[in-house]
């Protein structure tokens, strides 16, 4: 199914149909389709009350590549998990690094308690081939260990 055409300038992508959209309530440590994979890199160790960071990593598959014009963003969980704060609730394309087949957004957070903390949200993304572009939302979450 062709969703939207890409040219050298990469036309805007159209959203996937409802049947192809993920359930946004079911967060896990990775989100994968036939065309891409989104994972979280744990950049710990993390300390209570100190800003920590995770990397949200998009890797394309097959003939797909990162859409050069799409306004990628990671929207942090709202409301956040108990004891977690996000200094930047929306991390945007300009905050990341982008290559032909890989995109990385670094997401800051602060955990107010030692122990386990859930960090996550939804990555808005677009991947393209020469023939079409796809837009999607990838819900993702990771549990990190926080030290005193």
C-alpha atoms as a PDB file:
ATOM      1  CA  UNK A   1       0.000   0.000   0.000  1.00  0.00           C
ATOM      2  CA  UNK A   2       1.409   3.388  -0.978  1.00  0.00           C
ATOM      3  CA  UNK A   3       0.770   5.906   1.765  1.00  0.00           C
ATOM      4  CA  UNK A   4       2.427   8.992   0.316  1.00  0.00           C
ATOM      5  CA  UNK A   5       4.970   9.618  -2.394  1.00  0.00           C
ATOM      6  CA  UNK A   6       8.551  10.674  -1.703  1.00  0.00           C
ATOM      7  CA  UNK A   7      10.655  12.636  -4.093  1.00  0.00           C
ATOM      8  CA  UNK A   8      14.206  13.822  -3.699  1.00  0.00           C
ATOM      9  CA  UNK A   9      12.754  16.570  -1.499  1.00  0.00           C
ATOM     10  CA  UNK A  10      10.701  13.979   0.407  1.00  0.00           C
ATOM     11  CA  UNK A  11       7.034  14.867   0.339  1.00  0.00           C
ATOM     12  CA  UNK A  12       5.056  14.918   3.553  1.00  0.00           C
ATOM     13  CA  UNK A  13       3.924  11.476   4.618  1.00  0.00           C
ATOM     14  CA  UNK A  14       0.349  10.473   5.298  1.00  0.00           C
ATOM     15  CA  UNK A  15      -0.596   8.714   8.547  1.00  0.00           C
ATOM     16  CA  UNK A  16      -1.139   4.978   8.567  1.00  0.00           C
ATOM     17  CA  UNK A  17      -4.738   3.777   8.668  1.00  0.00           C
ATOM     18  CA  UNK A  18      -6.357   2.974  12.018  1.00  0.00           C
ATOM     19  CA  UNK A  19      -5.765  -0.763  11.570  1.00  0.00           C
ATOM     20  CA  UNK A  20      -2.009  -0.185  11.327  1.00  0.00           C
ATOM     21  CA  UNK A  21      -1.679   2.145  14.341  1.00  0.00           C
ATOM     22  CA  UNK A  22      -0.226   0.693  17.550  1.00  0.00           C
ATOM     23  CA  UNK A  23      -2.155   0.601  20.783  1.00  0.00           C
ATOM     24  CA  UNK A  24      -0.782   3.647  22.604  1.00  0.00           C
ATOM     25  CA  UNK A  25      -1.669   2.264  26.023  1.00  0.00           C
ATOM     26  CA  UNK A  26       0.620  -0.787  25.790  1.00  0.00           C
ATOM     27  CA  UNK A  27       4.181   0.455  26.315  1.00  0.00           C
ATOM     28  CA  UNK A  28       7.185  -1.853  26.092  1.00  0.00           C
ATOM     29  CA  UNK A  29      10.981  -1.571  25.826  1.00  0.00           C
ATOM     30  CA  UNK A  30      10.887  -1.713  22.013  1.00  0.00           C
ATOM     31  CA  UNK A  31       8.430  -1.137  19.192  1.00  0.00           C
ATOM     32  CA  UNK A  32       9.005  -2.945  15.909  1.00  0.00           C
ATOM     33  CA  UNK A  33       7.318  -3.169  12.513  1.00  0.00           C
ATOM     34  CA  UNK A  34       8.428  -4.602   9.165  1.00  0.00           C
ATOM     35  CA  UNK A  35       9.874  -1.173   8.268  1.00  0.00           C
ATOM     36  CA  UNK A  36      11.540   0.119  11.446  1.00  0.00           C
ATOM     37  CA  UNK A  37      12.431  -0.540  15.064  1.00  0.00           C
ATOM     38  CA  UNK A  38      12.396   1.920  17.990  1.00  0.00           C
ATOM     39  CA  UNK A  39      14.325   1.054  21.150  1.00  0.00           C
ATOM     40  CA  UNK A  40      15.460   2.821  24.307  1.00  0.00           C
ATOM     41  CA  UNK A  41      19.141   2.898  25.254  1.00  0.00           C
ATOM     42  CA  UNK A  42      19.638   2.988  29.017  1.00  0.00           C
ATOM     43  CA  UNK A  43      22.438   5.522  29.590  1.00  0.00           C
ATOM     44  CA  UNK A  44      22.652   4.902  33.372  1.00  0.00           C
ATOM     45  CA  UNK A  45      23.726   4.771  36.101  1.00  0.00           C
ATOM     46  CA  UNK A  46      21.070   7.130  37.441  1.00  0.00           C
ATOM     47  CA  UNK A  47      21.054   8.970  40.752  1.00  0.00           C
ATOM     48  CA  UNK A  48      18.000  10.110  42.713  1.00  0.00           C
ATOM     49  CA  UNK A  49      17.232  13.816  42.171  1.00  0.00           C
ATOM     50  CA  UNK A  50      19.816  14.183  39.378  1.00  0.00           C
ATOM     51  CA  UNK A  51      19.011  14.544  35.689  1.00  0.00           C
ATOM     52  CA  UNK A  52      19.530  11.332  33.769  1.00  0.00           C
ATOM     53  CA  UNK A  53      19.072  10.599  30.077  1.00  0.00           C
ATOM     54  CA  UNK A  54      17.839   7.838  27.819  1.00  0.00           C
ATOM     55  CA  UNK A  55      18.275   7.616  24.064  1.00  0.00           C
ATOM     56  CA  UNK A  56      15.256   6.788  21.935  1.00  0.00           C
ATOM     57  CA  UNK A  57      16.686   5.125  18.808  1.00  0.00           C
ATOM     58  CA  UNK A  58      14.893   4.652  15.482  1.00  0.00           C
ATOM     59  CA  UNK A  59      16.514   2.170  13.079  1.00  0.00           C
ATOM     60  CA  UNK A  60      15.029   1.632   9.629  1.00  0.00           C
ATOM     61  CA  UNK A  61      14.741  -1.749   7.896  1.00  0.00           C
ATOM     62  CA  UNK A  62      14.940  -2.923   4.302  1.00  0.00           C
ATOM     63  CA  UNK A  63      14.727  -0.124   1.746  1.00  0.00           C
ATOM     64  CA  UNK A  64      13.388   2.379   4.295  1.00  0.00           C
ATOM     65  CA  UNK A  65      15.344   5.431   5.449  1.00  0.00           C
ATOM     66  CA  UNK A  66      14.799   8.310   7.871  1.00  0.00           C
ATOM     67  CA  UNK A  67      12.549  11.010   6.385  1.00  0.00           C
ATOM     68  CA  UNK A  68      14.798  14.074   6.072  1.00  0.00           C
ATOM     69  CA  UNK A  69      11.975  16.588   6.447  1.00  0.00           C
ATOM     70  CA  UNK A  70       9.659  15.022   9.028  1.00  0.00           C
ATOM     71  CA  UNK A  71       9.382  16.877  12.386  1.00  0.00           C
ATOM     72  CA  UNK A  72      10.364  13.908  14.589  1.00  0.00           C
ATOM     73  CA  UNK A  73       9.468  14.217  18.258  1.00  0.00           C
ATOM     74  CA  UNK A  74       9.282  12.192  21.436  1.00  0.00           C
ATOM     75  CA  UNK A  75       6.399  13.121  23.717  1.00  0.00           C
ATOM     76  CA  UNK A  76       7.099  12.027  27.292  1.00  0.00           C
ATOM     77  CA  UNK A  77       4.439  10.228  29.310  1.00  0.00           C
ATOM     78  CA  UNK A  78       1.773  12.609  30.563  1.00  0.00           C
ATOM     79  CA  UNK A  79       1.191  12.206  33.380  1.00  0.00           C
ATOM     80  CA  UNK A  80       4.634  10.786  34.102  1.00  0.00           C
ATOM     81  CA  UNK A  81       5.138   7.652  36.188  1.00  0.00           C
ATOM     82  CA  UNK A  82       5.129   8.287  39.930  1.00  0.00           C
ATOM     83  CA  UNK A  83       8.356   9.945  41.084  1.00  0.00           C
ATOM     84  CA  UNK A  84       9.527  10.858  37.551  1.00  0.00           C
ATOM     85  CA  UNK A  85       9.773  14.349  36.069  1.00  0.00           C
ATOM     86  CA  UNK A  86      10.634  15.411  32.529  1.00  0.00           C
ATOM     87  CA  UNK A  87      12.531  18.743  32.260  1.00  0.00           C
ATOM     88  CA  UNK A  88      11.656  18.732  28.547  1.00  0.00           C
ATOM     89  CA  UNK A  89       8.246  17.031  28.052  1.00  0.00           C
ATOM     90  CA  UNK A  90       8.613  17.092  24.244  1.00  0.00           C
ATOM     91  CA  UNK A  91      11.992  16.350  22.668  1.00  0.00           C
ATOM     92  CA  UNK A  92      12.117  17.510  19.042  1.00  0.00           C
ATOM     93  CA  UNK A  93      14.137  16.792  15.910  1.00  0.00           C
ATOM     94  CA  UNK A  94      16.561  19.639  16.605  1.00  0.00           C
ATOM     95  CA  UNK A  95      17.499  17.885  19.870  1.00  0.00           C
ATOM     96  CA  UNK A  96      18.565  14.701  18.085  1.00  0.00           C
ATOM     97  CA  UNK A  97      21.029  13.247  15.632  1.00  0.00           C
ATOM     98  CA  UNK A  98      19.923  11.895  12.258  1.00  0.00           C
ATOM     99  CA  UNK A  99      21.614   9.647   9.733  1.00  0.00           C
ATOM    100  CA  UNK A 100      20.319   7.905   6.596  1.00  0.00           C
ATOM    101  CA  UNK A 101      18.983   4.868   8.499  1.00  0.00           C
ATOM    102  CA  UNK A 102      19.123   5.900  12.157  1.00  0.00           C
ATOM    103  CA  UNK A 103      17.693   8.675  14.341  1.00  0.00           C
ATOM    104  CA  UNK A 104      18.467   9.285  18.024  1.00  0.00           C
ATOM    105  CA  UNK A 105      16.588  11.586  20.410  1.00  0.00           C
ATOM    106  CA  UNK A 106      18.069  12.088  23.885  1.00  0.00           C
ATOM    107  CA  UNK A 107      15.375  12.418  26.547  1.00  0.00           C
ATOM    108  CA  UNK A 108      16.215  13.943  29.956  1.00  0.00           C
ATOM    109  CA  UNK A 109      14.371  12.892  33.107  1.00  0.00           C
ATOM    110  CA  UNK A 110      14.686  13.154  36.892  1.00  0.00           C
ATOM    111  CA  UNK A 111      13.707  10.344  39.268  1.00  0.00           C
ATOM    112  CA  UNK A 112      12.797  11.590  42.744  1.00  0.00           C
ATOM    113  CA  UNK A 113      13.170   8.188  44.453  1.00  0.00           C
ATOM    114  CA  UNK A 114      15.769   5.428  44.491  1.00  0.00           C
ATOM    115  CA  UNK A 115      14.679   2.057  43.100  1.00  0.00           C
ATOM    116  CA  UNK A 116      12.941   1.441  39.804  1.00  0.00           C
ATOM    117  CA  UNK A 117      11.492   4.209  37.650  1.00  0.00           C
ATOM    118  CA  UNK A 118       9.497   3.949  34.427  1.00  0.00           C
ATOM    119  CA  UNK A 119      10.582   6.345  31.699  1.00  0.00           C
ATOM    120  CA  UNK A 120       8.865   6.553  28.331  1.00  0.00           C
ATOM    121  CA  UNK A 121       6.434   8.111  25.921  1.00  0.00           C
ATOM    122  CA  UNK A 122       5.583   8.111  22.241  1.00  0.00           C
ATOM    123  CA  UNK A 123       7.931   8.648  19.291  1.00  0.00           C
ATOM    124  CA  UNK A 124       6.295  10.339  16.277  1.00  0.00           C
ATOM    125  CA  UNK A 125       8.210   9.220  13.199  1.00  0.00           C
ATOM    126  CA  UNK A 126       8.290   8.839   9.439  1.00  0.00           C
ATOM    127  CA  UNK A 127      10.283   6.370   7.340  1.00  0.00           C
ATOM    128  CA  UNK A 128      10.457   6.366   3.541  1.00  0.00           C
ATOM    129  CA  UNK A 129      11.471   4.424   0.460  1.00  0.00           C
ATOM    130  CA  UNK A 130      11.902   5.968  -2.987  1.00  0.00           C
ATOM    131  CA  UNK A 131       8.245   5.039  -3.653  1.00  0.00           C
ATOM    132  CA  UNK A 132       6.446   5.996  -0.421  1.00  0.00           C
ATOM    133  CA  UNK A 133       6.601   7.434   3.075  1.00  0.00           C
ATOM    134  CA  UNK A 134       4.952   6.100   6.213  1.00  0.00           C
ATOM    135  CA  UNK A 135       4.100   8.018   9.386  1.00  0.00           C
ATOM    136  CA  UNK A 136       3.617   6.251  12.693  1.00  0.00           C
ATOM    137  CA  UNK A 137       3.654   6.634  16.469  1.00  0.00           C
ATOM    138  CA  UNK A 138       5.748   4.224  18.504  1.00  0.00           C
ATOM    139  CA  UNK A 139       4.858   3.922  22.209  1.00  0.00           C
ATOM    140  CA  UNK A 140       7.877   2.877  24.252  1.00  0.00           C
ATOM    141  CA  UNK A 141       8.893   2.637  27.915  1.00  0.00           C
ATOM    142  CA  UNK A 142      11.799   1.323  29.934  1.00  0.00           C
ATOM    143  CA  UNK A 143      12.286   0.644  33.642  1.00  0.00           C
ATOM    144  CA  UNK A 144      15.565   2.087  34.906  1.00  0.00           C
ATOM    145  CA  UNK A 145      17.347   1.532  38.216  1.00  0.00           C
ATOM    146  CA  UNK A 146      17.906   4.657  40.280  1.00  0.00           C
ATOM    147  CA  UNK A 147      20.536   4.810  43.033  1.00  0.00           C
ATOM    148  CA  UNK A 148      20.388   6.897  46.204  1.00  0.00           C
END
